[in-house]
Amino acid sequence: MICGENFPGALLGKHSPIGFYATRFVEAATPGEAEAQVLDLLRNDDVLKIRAELRNEDARVFFEEIAEVSADSERAPNSGFTFFAMGS
């Protein structure tokens, strides 16, 4: 479970900063490796791409939960975000 905070509202056509929640699945040997892989997925996600002049240096990503799941578990596609207005 990933939480992003203080991302530019311009991603959604808003003027104030936004946050998001997302879940991503990766194969990794350690939690640290999983975090690195997920960060790479987020950096390359078209939904989060924003022009350099609109980027916010306060944007952060937090890993709220890293859970090991069995290889035969049903997995949702690695896409989708639940956005929210910061401060709400």
PDB file of N, CA and C in Angstrom:
ATOM      1  N   MET A   1       0.863  -1.171   0.000  1.00  0.00           N
ATOM      2  CA  MET A   1       0.000   0.000   0.000  1.00  0.00           C
ATOM      3  C   MET A   1       0.902   1.223   0.000  1.00  0.00           C
ATOM      4  N   ILE A   2       0.675   2.091  -0.955  1.00  0.00           N
ATOM      5  CA  ILE A   2       1.517   3.273  -1.165  1.00  0.00           C
ATOM      6  C   ILE A   2       0.661   4.514  -0.980  1.00  0.00           C
ATOM      7  N   CYS A   3       1.242   5.523  -0.345  1.00  0.00           N
ATOM      8  CA  CYS A   3       0.573   6.817  -0.211  1.00  0.00           C
ATOM      9  C   CYS A   3       1.506   7.881  -0.777  1.00  0.00           C
ATOM     10  N   GLY A   4       0.991   8.694  -1.674  1.00  0.00           N
ATOM     11  CA  GLY A   4       1.728   9.826  -2.203  1.00  0.00           C
ATOM     12  C   GLY A   4       1.098  11.103  -1.664  1.00  0.00           C
ATOM     13  N   GLU A   5       1.907  12.077  -1.322  1.00  0.00           N
ATOM     14  CA  GLU A   5       1.400  13.336  -0.776  1.00  0.00           C
ATOM     15  C   GLU A   5       2.052  14.523  -1.471  1.00  0.00           C
ATOM     16  N   ASN A   6       1.308  15.607  -1.553  1.00  0.00           N
ATOM     17  CA  ASN A   6       1.785  16.898  -2.075  1.00  0.00           C
ATOM     18  C   ASN A   6       2.208  16.842  -3.540  1.00  0.00           C
ATOM     19  N   PHE A   7       1.494  16.062  -4.332  1.00  0.00           N
ATOM     20  CA  PHE A   7       1.743  16.039  -5.766  1.00  0.00           C
ATOM     21  C   PHE A   7       0.995  17.204  -6.404  1.00  0.00           C
ATOM     22  N   PRO A   8       1.467  17.698  -7.531  1.00  0.00           N
ATOM     23  CA  PRO A   8       0.818  18.847  -8.168  1.00  0.00           C
ATOM     24  C   PRO A   8      -0.628  18.550  -8.554  1.00  0.00           C
ATOM     25  N   GLY A   9      -1.524  19.418  -8.161  1.00  0.00           N
ATOM     26  CA  GLY A   9      -2.922  19.268  -8.518  1.00  0.00           C
ATOM     27  C   GLY A   9      -3.144  19.288 -10.016  1.00  0.00           C
ATOM     28  N   ALA A  10      -2.174  19.829 -10.760  1.00  0.00           N
ATOM     29  CA  ALA A  10      -2.278  19.891 -12.217  1.00  0.00           C
ATOM     30  C   ALA A  10      -2.446  18.494 -12.837  1.00  0.00           C
ATOM     31  N   LEU A  11      -2.045  17.447 -12.127  1.00  0.00           N
ATOM     32  CA  LEU A  11      -2.246  16.087 -12.622  1.00  0.00           C
ATOM     33  C   LEU A  11      -3.721  15.814 -12.881  1.00  0.00           C
ATOM     34  N   LEU A  12      -4.582  16.477 -12.088  1.00  0.00           N
ATOM     35  CA  LEU A  12      -6.031  16.282 -12.209  1.00  0.00           C
ATOM     36  C   LEU A  12      -6.747  17.558 -12.617  1.00  0.00           C
ATOM     37  N   GLY A  13      -5.984  18.559 -13.047  1.00  0.00           N
ATOM     38  CA  GLY A  13      -6.595  19.826 -13.414  1.00  0.00           C
ATOM     39  C   GLY A  13      -7.022  20.655 -12.208  1.00  0.00           C
ATOM     40  N   LYS A  14      -6.384  20.420 -11.066  1.00  0.00           N
ATOM     41  CA  LYS A  14      -6.689  21.146  -9.827  1.00  0.00           C
ATOM     42  C   LYS A  14      -5.580  22.157  -9.543  1.00  0.00           C
ATOM     43  N   HIS A  15      -5.905  23.132  -8.691  1.00  0.00           N
ATOM     44  CA  HIS A  15      -4.913  24.148  -8.337  1.00  0.00           C
ATOM     45  C   HIS A  15      -4.164  23.816  -7.053  1.00  0.00           C
ATOM     46  N   SER A  16      -4.761  23.024  -6.174  1.00  0.00           N
ATOM     47  CA  SER A  16      -4.118  22.706  -4.900  1.00  0.00           C
ATOM     48  C   SER A  16      -3.488  21.317  -4.953  1.00  0.00           C
ATOM     49  N   PRO A  17      -2.519  21.051  -4.076  1.00  0.00           N
ATOM     50  CA  PRO A  17      -1.838  19.753  -4.075  1.00  0.00           C
ATOM     51  C   PRO A  17      -2.806  18.598  -3.826  1.00  0.00           C
ATOM     52  N   ILE A  18      -2.430  17.451  -4.358  1.00  0.00           N
ATOM     53  CA  ILE A  18      -3.230  16.246  -4.207  1.00  0.00           C
ATOM     54  C   ILE A  18      -2.367  15.121  -3.649  1.00  0.00           C
ATOM     55  N   GLY A  19      -3.023  14.097  -3.169  1.00  0.00           N
ATOM     56  CA  GLY A  19      -2.355  12.889  -2.724  1.00  0.00           C
ATOM     57  C   GLY A  19      -3.001  11.702  -3.404  1.00  0.00           C
ATOM     58  N   PHE A  20      -2.430  10.535  -3.189  1.00  0.00           N
ATOM     59  CA  PHE A  20      -3.015   9.329  -3.773  1.00  0.00           C
ATOM     60  C   PHE A  20      -2.687   8.106  -2.935  1.00  0.00           C
ATOM     61  N   TYR A  21      -3.502   7.095  -3.119  1.00  0.00           N
ATOM     62  CA  TYR A  21      -3.228   5.755  -2.616  1.00  0.00           C
ATOM     63  C   TYR A  21      -3.153   4.830  -3.814  1.00  0.00           C
ATOM     64  N   ALA A  22      -2.285   3.830  -3.718  1.00  0.00           N
ATOM     65  CA  ALA A  22      -2.152   2.854  -4.799  1.00  0.00           C
ATOM     66  C   ALA A  22      -1.605   1.557  -4.221  1.00  0.00           C
ATOM     67  N   THR A  23      -1.847   0.480  -4.914  1.00  0.00           N
ATOM     68  CA  THR A  23      -1.284  -0.822  -4.573  1.00  0.00           C
ATOM     69  C   THR A  23      -0.542  -1.330  -5.797  1.00  0.00           C
ATOM     70  N   ARG A  24       0.640  -1.843  -5.581  1.00  0.00           N
ATOM     71  CA  ARG A  24       1.425  -2.411  -6.664  1.00  0.00           C
ATOM     72  C   ARG A  24       1.981  -3.751  -6.229  1.00  0.00           C
ATOM     73  N   PHE A  25       2.106  -4.683  -7.177  1.00  0.00           N
ATOM     74  CA  PHE A  25       2.661  -6.001  -6.920  1.00  0.00           C
ATOM     75  C   PHE A  25       3.972  -6.142  -7.683  1.00  0.00           C
ATOM     76  N   VAL A  26       5.012  -6.606  -7.000  1.00  0.00           N
ATOM     77  CA  VAL A  26       6.308  -6.880  -7.625  1.00  0.00           C
ATOM     78  C   VAL A  26       6.874  -8.161  -7.025  1.00  0.00           C
ATOM     79  N   GLU A  27       7.797  -8.780  -7.732  1.00  0.00           N
ATOM     80  CA  GLU A  27       8.534  -9.913  -7.183  1.00  0.00           C
ATOM     81  C   GLU A  27       9.867  -9.386  -6.691  1.00  0.00           C
ATOM     82  N   ALA A  28      10.138  -9.589  -5.394  1.00  0.00           N
ATOM     83  CA  ALA A  28      11.363  -9.070  -4.799  1.00  0.00           C
ATOM     84  C   ALA A  28      11.821  -9.993  -3.678  1.00  0.00           C
ATOM     85  N   ALA A  29      13.122 -10.007  -3.453  1.00  0.00           N
ATOM     86  CA  ALA A  29      13.696 -10.847  -2.403  1.00  0.00           C
ATOM     87  C   ALA A  29      13.582 -10.202  -1.024  1.00  0.00           C
ATOM     88  N   THR A  30      13.527  -8.870  -0.975  1.00  0.00           N
ATOM     89  CA  THR A  30      13.476  -8.162   0.302  1.00  0.00           C
ATOM     90  C   THR A  30      12.473  -7.007   0.220  1.00  0.00           C
ATOM     91  N   PRO A  31      12.001  -6.514   1.357  1.00  0.00           N
ATOM     92  CA  PRO A  31      11.127  -5.339   1.336  1.00  0.00           C
ATOM     93  C   PRO A  31      11.798  -4.123   0.688  1.00  0.00           C
ATOM     94  N   GLY A  32      13.089  -3.938   0.916  1.00  0.00           N
ATOM     95  CA  GLY A  32      13.808  -2.815   0.306  1.00  0.00           C
ATOM     96  C   GLY A  32      13.842  -2.907  -1.206  1.00  0.00           C
ATOM     97  N   GLU A  33      14.038  -4.106  -1.715  1.00  0.00           N
ATOM     98  CA  GLU A  33      14.021  -4.325  -3.160  1.00  0.00           C
ATOM     99  C   GLU A  33      12.626  -4.059  -3.716  1.00  0.00           C
ATOM    100  N   ALA A  34      11.598  -4.467  -2.977  1.00  0.00           N
ATOM    101  CA  ALA A  34      10.217  -4.217  -3.406  1.00  0.00           C
ATOM    102  C   ALA A  34       9.959  -2.713  -3.486  1.00  0.00           C
ATOM    103  N   GLU A  35      10.399  -1.957  -2.475  1.00  0.00           N
ATOM    104  CA  GLU A  35      10.229  -0.500  -2.493  1.00  0.00           C
ATOM    105  C   GLU A  35      10.898   0.122  -3.712  1.00  0.00           C
ATOM    106  N   ALA A  36      12.124  -0.292  -4.003  1.00  0.00           N
ATOM    107  CA  ALA A  36      12.859   0.264  -5.143  1.00  0.00           C
ATOM    108  C   ALA A  36      12.129  -0.031  -6.457  1.00  0.00           C
ATOM    109  N   GLN A  37      11.619  -1.240  -6.599  1.00  0.00           N
ATOM    110  CA  GLN A  37      10.901  -1.595  -7.826  1.00  0.00           C
ATOM    111  C   GLN A  37       9.615  -0.796  -7.977  1.00  0.00           C
ATOM    112  N   VAL A  38       8.898  -0.619  -6.871  1.00  0.00           N
ATOM    113  CA  VAL A  38       7.643   0.135  -6.921  1.00  0.00           C
ATOM    114  C   VAL A  38       7.921   1.603  -7.230  1.00  0.00           C
ATOM    115  N   LEU A  39       8.952   2.179  -6.627  1.00  0.00           N
ATOM    116  CA  LEU A  39       9.306   3.567  -6.943  1.00  0.00           C
ATOM    117  C   LEU A  39       9.594   3.727  -8.425  1.00  0.00           C
ATOM    118  N   ASP A  40      10.279   2.748  -9.015  1.00  0.00           N
ATOM    119  CA  ASP A  40      10.564   2.797 -10.442  1.00  0.00           C
ATOM    120  C   ASP A  40       9.267   2.721 -11.257  1.00  0.00           C
ATOM    121  N   LEU A  41       8.336   1.866 -10.831  1.00  0.00           N
ATOM    122  CA  LEU A  41       7.038   1.786 -11.513  1.00  0.00           C
ATOM    123  C   LEU A  41       6.321   3.137 -11.462  1.00  0.00           C
ATOM    124  N   LEU A  42       6.312   3.776 -10.289  1.00  0.00           N
ATOM    125  CA  LEU A  42       5.622   5.060 -10.145  1.00  0.00           C
ATOM    126  C   LEU A  42       6.289   6.153 -10.975  1.00  0.00           C
ATOM    127  N   ARG A  43       7.612   6.179 -10.993  1.00  0.00           N
ATOM    128  CA  ARG A  43       8.343   7.194 -11.769  1.00  0.00           C
ATOM    129  C   ARG A  43       8.033   7.093 -13.260  1.00  0.00           C
ATOM    130  N   ASN A  44       7.727   5.893 -13.711  1.00  0.00           N
ATOM    131  CA  ASN A  44       7.473   5.670 -15.129  1.00  0.00           C
ATOM    132  C   ASN A  44       5.988   5.591 -15.476  1.00  0.00           C
ATOM    133  N   ASP A  45       5.119   5.858 -14.505  1.00  0.00           N
ATOM    134  CA  ASP A  45       3.682   5.792 -14.745  1.00  0.00           C
ATOM    135  C   ASP A  45       3.220   7.075 -15.428  1.00  0.00           C
ATOM    136  N   ASP A  46       2.580   6.944 -16.572  1.00  0.00           N
ATOM    137  CA  ASP A  46       2.121   8.111 -17.335  1.00  0.00           C
ATOM    138  C   ASP A  46       1.165   8.994 -16.540  1.00  0.00           C
ATOM    139  N   VAL A  47       0.389   8.414 -15.637  1.00  0.00           N
ATOM    140  CA  VAL A  47      -0.568   9.194 -14.847  1.00  0.00           C
ATOM    141  C   VAL A  47       0.145  10.225 -13.973  1.00  0.00           C
ATOM    142  N   LEU A  48       1.344   9.905 -13.491  1.00  0.00           N
ATOM    143  CA  LEU A  48       2.082  10.799 -12.593  1.00  0.00           C
ATOM    144  C   LEU A  48       3.087  11.694 -13.300  1.00  0.00           C
ATOM    145  N   LYS A  49       3.147  11.622 -14.612  1.00  0.00           N
ATOM    146  CA  LYS A  49       4.091  12.478 -15.349  1.00  0.00           C
ATOM    147  C   LYS A  49       3.560  13.907 -15.397  1.00  0.00           C
ATOM    148  N   ILE A  50       4.423  14.848 -15.064  1.00  0.00           N
ATOM    149  CA  ILE A  50       4.045  16.268 -15.018  1.00  0.00           C
ATOM    150  C   ILE A  50       5.222  17.086 -15.517  1.00  0.00           C
ATOM    151  N   ARG A  51       4.919  18.185 -16.173  1.00  0.00           N
ATOM    152  CA  ARG A  51       5.989  19.057 -16.677  1.00  0.00           C
ATOM    153  C   ARG A  51       6.865  19.528 -15.515  1.00  0.00           C
ATOM    154  N   ALA A  52       8.152  19.684 -15.791  1.00  0.00           N
ATOM    155  CA  ALA A  52       9.134  20.037 -14.763  1.00  0.00           C
ATOM    156  C   ALA A  52       8.758  21.298 -14.000  1.00  0.00           C
ATOM    157  N   GLU A  53       8.234  22.306 -14.680  1.00  0.00           N
ATOM    158  CA  GLU A  53       7.925  23.574 -13.999  1.00  0.00           C
ATOM    159  C   GLU A  53       6.729  23.461 -13.053  1.00  0.00           C
ATOM    160  N   LEU A  54       5.970  22.382 -13.148  1.00  0.00           N
ATOM    161  CA  LEU A  54       4.821  22.191 -12.258  1.00  0.00           C
ATOM    162  C   LEU A  54       5.123  21.238 -11.101  1.00  0.00           C
ATOM    163  N   ARG A  55       6.292  20.643 -11.092  1.00  0.00           N
ATOM    164  CA  ARG A  55       6.639  19.683 -10.043  1.00  0.00           C
ATOM    165  C   ARG A  55       6.784  20.377  -8.698  1.00  0.00           C
ATOM    166  N   ASN A  56       6.475  19.634  -7.661  1.00  0.00           N
ATOM    167  CA  ASN A  56       6.531  20.146  -6.301  1.00  0.00           C
ATOM    168  C   ASN A  56       7.610  19.389  -5.541  1.00  0.00           C
ATOM    169  N   GLU A  57       8.587  20.106  -4.994  1.00  0.00           N
ATOM    170  CA  GLU A  57       9.676  19.459  -4.270  1.00  0.00           C
ATOM    171  C   GLU A  57       9.207  18.813  -2.972  1.00  0.00           C
ATOM    172  N   ASP A  58       7.999  19.146  -2.515  1.00  0.00           N
ATOM    173  CA  ASP A  58       7.461  18.567  -1.290  1.00  0.00           C
ATOM    174  C   ASP A  58       6.753  17.239  -1.526  1.00  0.00           C
ATOM    175  N   ALA A  59       6.645  16.819  -2.784  1.00  0.00           N
ATOM    176  CA  ALA A  59       5.964  15.546  -3.084  1.00  0.00           C
ATOM    177  C   ALA A  59       6.746  14.395  -2.464  1.00  0.00           C
ATOM    178  N   ARG A  60       6.000  13.487  -1.833  1.00  0.00           N
ATOM    179  CA  ARG A  60       6.617  12.349  -1.161  1.00  0.00           C
ATOM    180  C   ARG A  60       5.770  11.095  -1.379  1.00  0.00           C
ATOM    181  N   VAL A  61       6.455   9.965  -1.285  1.00  0.00           N
ATOM    182  CA  VAL A  61       5.783   8.673  -1.367  1.00  0.00           C
ATOM    183  C   VAL A  61       6.134   7.901  -0.097  1.00  0.00           C
ATOM    184  N   PHE A  62       5.110   7.318   0.533  1.00  0.00           N
ATOM    185  CA  PHE A  62       5.288   6.517   1.741  1.00  0.00           C
ATOM    186  C   PHE A  62       4.780   5.109   1.477  1.00  0.00           C
ATOM    187  N   PHE A  63       5.470   4.141   2.016  1.00  0.00           N
ATOM    188  CA  PHE A  63       5.013   2.759   1.935  1.00  0.00           C
ATOM    189  C   PHE A  63       4.314   2.456   3.252  1.00  0.00           C
ATOM    190  N   GLU A  64       2.997   2.398   3.203  1.00  0.00           N
ATOM    191  CA  GLU A  64       2.224   2.162   4.416  1.00  0.00           C
ATOM    192  C   GLU A  64       2.220   0.695   4.806  1.00  0.00           C
ATOM    193  N   GLU A  65       2.330  -0.178   3.805  1.00  0.00           N
ATOM    194  CA  GLU A  65       2.370  -1.607   4.097  1.00  0.00           C
ATOM    195  C   GLU A  65       3.071  -2.332   2.961  1.00  0.00           C
ATOM    196  N   ILE A  66       3.955  -3.238   3.338  1.00  0.00           N
ATOM    197  CA  ILE A  66       4.578  -4.140   2.376  1.00  0.00           C
ATOM    198  C   ILE A  66       4.240  -5.538   2.868  1.00  0.00           C
ATOM    199  N   ALA A  67       3.511  -6.277   2.067  1.00  0.00           N
ATOM    200  CA  ALA A  67       3.063  -7.603   2.488  1.00  0.00           C
ATOM    201  C   ALA A  67       3.494  -8.653   1.479  1.00  0.00           C
ATOM    202  N   GLU A  68       3.972  -9.764   1.985  1.00  0.00           N
ATOM    203  CA  GLU A  68       4.314 -10.887   1.124  1.00  0.00           C
ATOM    204  C   GLU A  68       3.035 -11.655   0.808  1.00  0.00           C
ATOM    205  N   VAL A  69       2.843 -11.943  -0.448  1.00  0.00           N
ATOM    206  CA  VAL A  69       1.688 -12.740  -0.873  1.00  0.00           C
ATOM    207  C   VAL A  69       2.205 -13.965  -1.622  1.00  0.00           C
ATOM    208  N   SER A  70       1.449 -15.029  -1.583  1.00  0.00           N
ATOM    209  CA  SER A  70       1.887 -16.244  -2.264  1.00  0.00           C
ATOM    210  C   SER A  70       1.858 -16.030  -3.776  1.00  0.00           C
ATOM    211  N   ALA A  71       2.699 -16.762  -4.457  1.00  0.00           N
ATOM    212  CA  ALA A  71       2.839 -16.605  -5.909  1.00  0.00           C
ATOM    213  C   ALA A  71       1.547 -16.913  -6.649  1.00  0.00           C
ATOM    214  N   ASP A  72       0.683 -17.746  -6.072  1.00  0.00           N
ATOM    215  CA  ASP A  72      -0.554 -18.095  -6.762  1.00  0.00           C
ATOM    216  C   ASP A  72      -1.732 -17.203  -6.357  1.00  0.00           C
ATOM    217  N   SER A  73      -1.472 -16.131  -5.622  1.00  0.00           N
ATOM    218  CA  SER A  73      -2.531 -15.185  -5.241  1.00  0.00           C
ATOM    219  C   SER A  73      -3.029 -14.424  -6.455  1.00  0.00           C
ATOM    220  N   GLU A  74      -4.319 -14.128  -6.444  1.00  0.00           N
ATOM    221  CA  GLU A  74      -4.875 -13.305  -7.510  1.00  0.00           C
ATOM    222  C   GLU A  74      -4.334 -11.889  -7.357  1.00  0.00           C
ATOM    223  N   ARG A  75      -3.871 -11.304  -8.439  1.00  0.00           N
ATOM    224  CA  ARG A  75      -3.275  -9.970  -8.398  1.00  0.00           C
ATOM    225  C   ARG A  75      -4.018  -9.036  -9.324  1.00  0.00           C
ATOM    226  N   ALA A  76      -4.272  -7.848  -8.831  1.00  0.00           N
ATOM    227  CA  ALA A  76      -4.872  -6.817  -9.678  1.00  0.00           C
ATOM    228  C   ALA A  76      -3.784  -6.256 -10.573  1.00  0.00           C
ATOM    229  N   PRO A  77      -4.153  -5.681 -11.705  1.00  0.00           N
ATOM    230  CA  PRO A  77      -3.137  -5.055 -12.554  1.00  0.00           C
ATOM    231  C   PRO A  77      -2.420  -3.937 -11.799  1.00  0.00           C
ATOM    232  N   ASN A  78      -1.159  -3.708 -12.134  1.00  0.00           N
ATOM    233  CA  ASN A  78      -0.371  -2.653 -11.487  1.00  0.00           C
ATOM    234  C   ASN A  78      -0.715  -1.300 -12.087  1.00  0.00           C
ATOM    235  N   SER A  79      -1.917  -0.857 -11.856  1.00  0.00           N
ATOM    236  CA  SER A  79      -2.341   0.447 -12.356  1.00  0.00           C
ATOM    237  C   SER A  79      -3.447   0.958 -11.448  1.00  0.00           C
ATOM    238  N   GLY A  80      -3.763   2.216 -11.615  1.00  0.00           N
ATOM    239  CA  GLY A  80      -4.853   2.806 -10.855  1.00  0.00           C
ATOM    240  C   GLY A  80      -4.373   3.548  -9.620  1.00  0.00           C
ATOM    241  N   PHE A  81      -5.074   4.601  -9.328  1.00  0.00           N
ATOM    242  CA  PHE A  81      -4.795   5.459  -8.176  1.00  0.00           C
ATOM    243  C   PHE A  81      -6.116   5.910  -7.578  1.00  0.00           C
ATOM    244  N   THR A  82      -6.139   6.132  -6.296  1.00  0.00           N
ATOM    245  CA  THR A  82      -7.245   6.803  -5.632  1.00  0.00           C
ATOM    246  C   THR A  82      -6.691   8.144  -5.170  1.00  0.00           C
ATOM    247  N   PHE A  83      -7.151   9.224  -5.809  1.00  0.00           N
ATOM    248  CA  PHE A  83      -6.637  10.561  -5.510  1.00  0.00           C
ATOM    249  C   PHE A  83      -7.495  11.245  -4.457  1.00  0.00           C
ATOM    250  N   PHE A  84      -6.870  12.154  -3.703  1.00  0.00           N
ATOM    251  CA  PHE A  84      -7.580  12.961  -2.716  1.00  0.00           C
ATOM    252  C   PHE A  84      -6.937  14.339  -2.624  1.00  0.00           C
ATOM    253  N   ALA A  85      -7.720  15.319  -2.209  1.00  0.00           N
ATOM    254  CA  ALA A  85      -7.200  16.674  -1.998  1.00  0.00           C
ATOM    255  C   ALA A  85      -6.433  16.683  -0.676  1.00  0.00           C
ATOM    256  N   MET A  86      -5.251  17.257  -0.670  1.00  0.00           N
ATOM    257  CA  MET A  86      -4.467  17.339   0.559  1.00  0.00           C
ATOM    258  C   MET A  86      -5.231  18.148   1.597  1.00  0.00           C
ATOM    259  N   GLY A  87      -5.176  17.675   2.843  1.00  0.00           N
ATOM    260  CA  GLY A  87      -5.862  18.369   3.924  1.00  0.00           C
ATOM    261  C   GLY A  87      -7.298  17.931   4.114  1.00  0.00           C
ATOM    262  N   SER A  88      -7.740  16.943   3.324  1.00  0.00           N
ATOM    263  CA  SER A  88      -9.137  16.500   3.472  1.00  0.00           C
ATOM    264  C   SER A  88      -9.207  15.207   4.253  1.00  0.00           C
TER     265      SER A  88
END
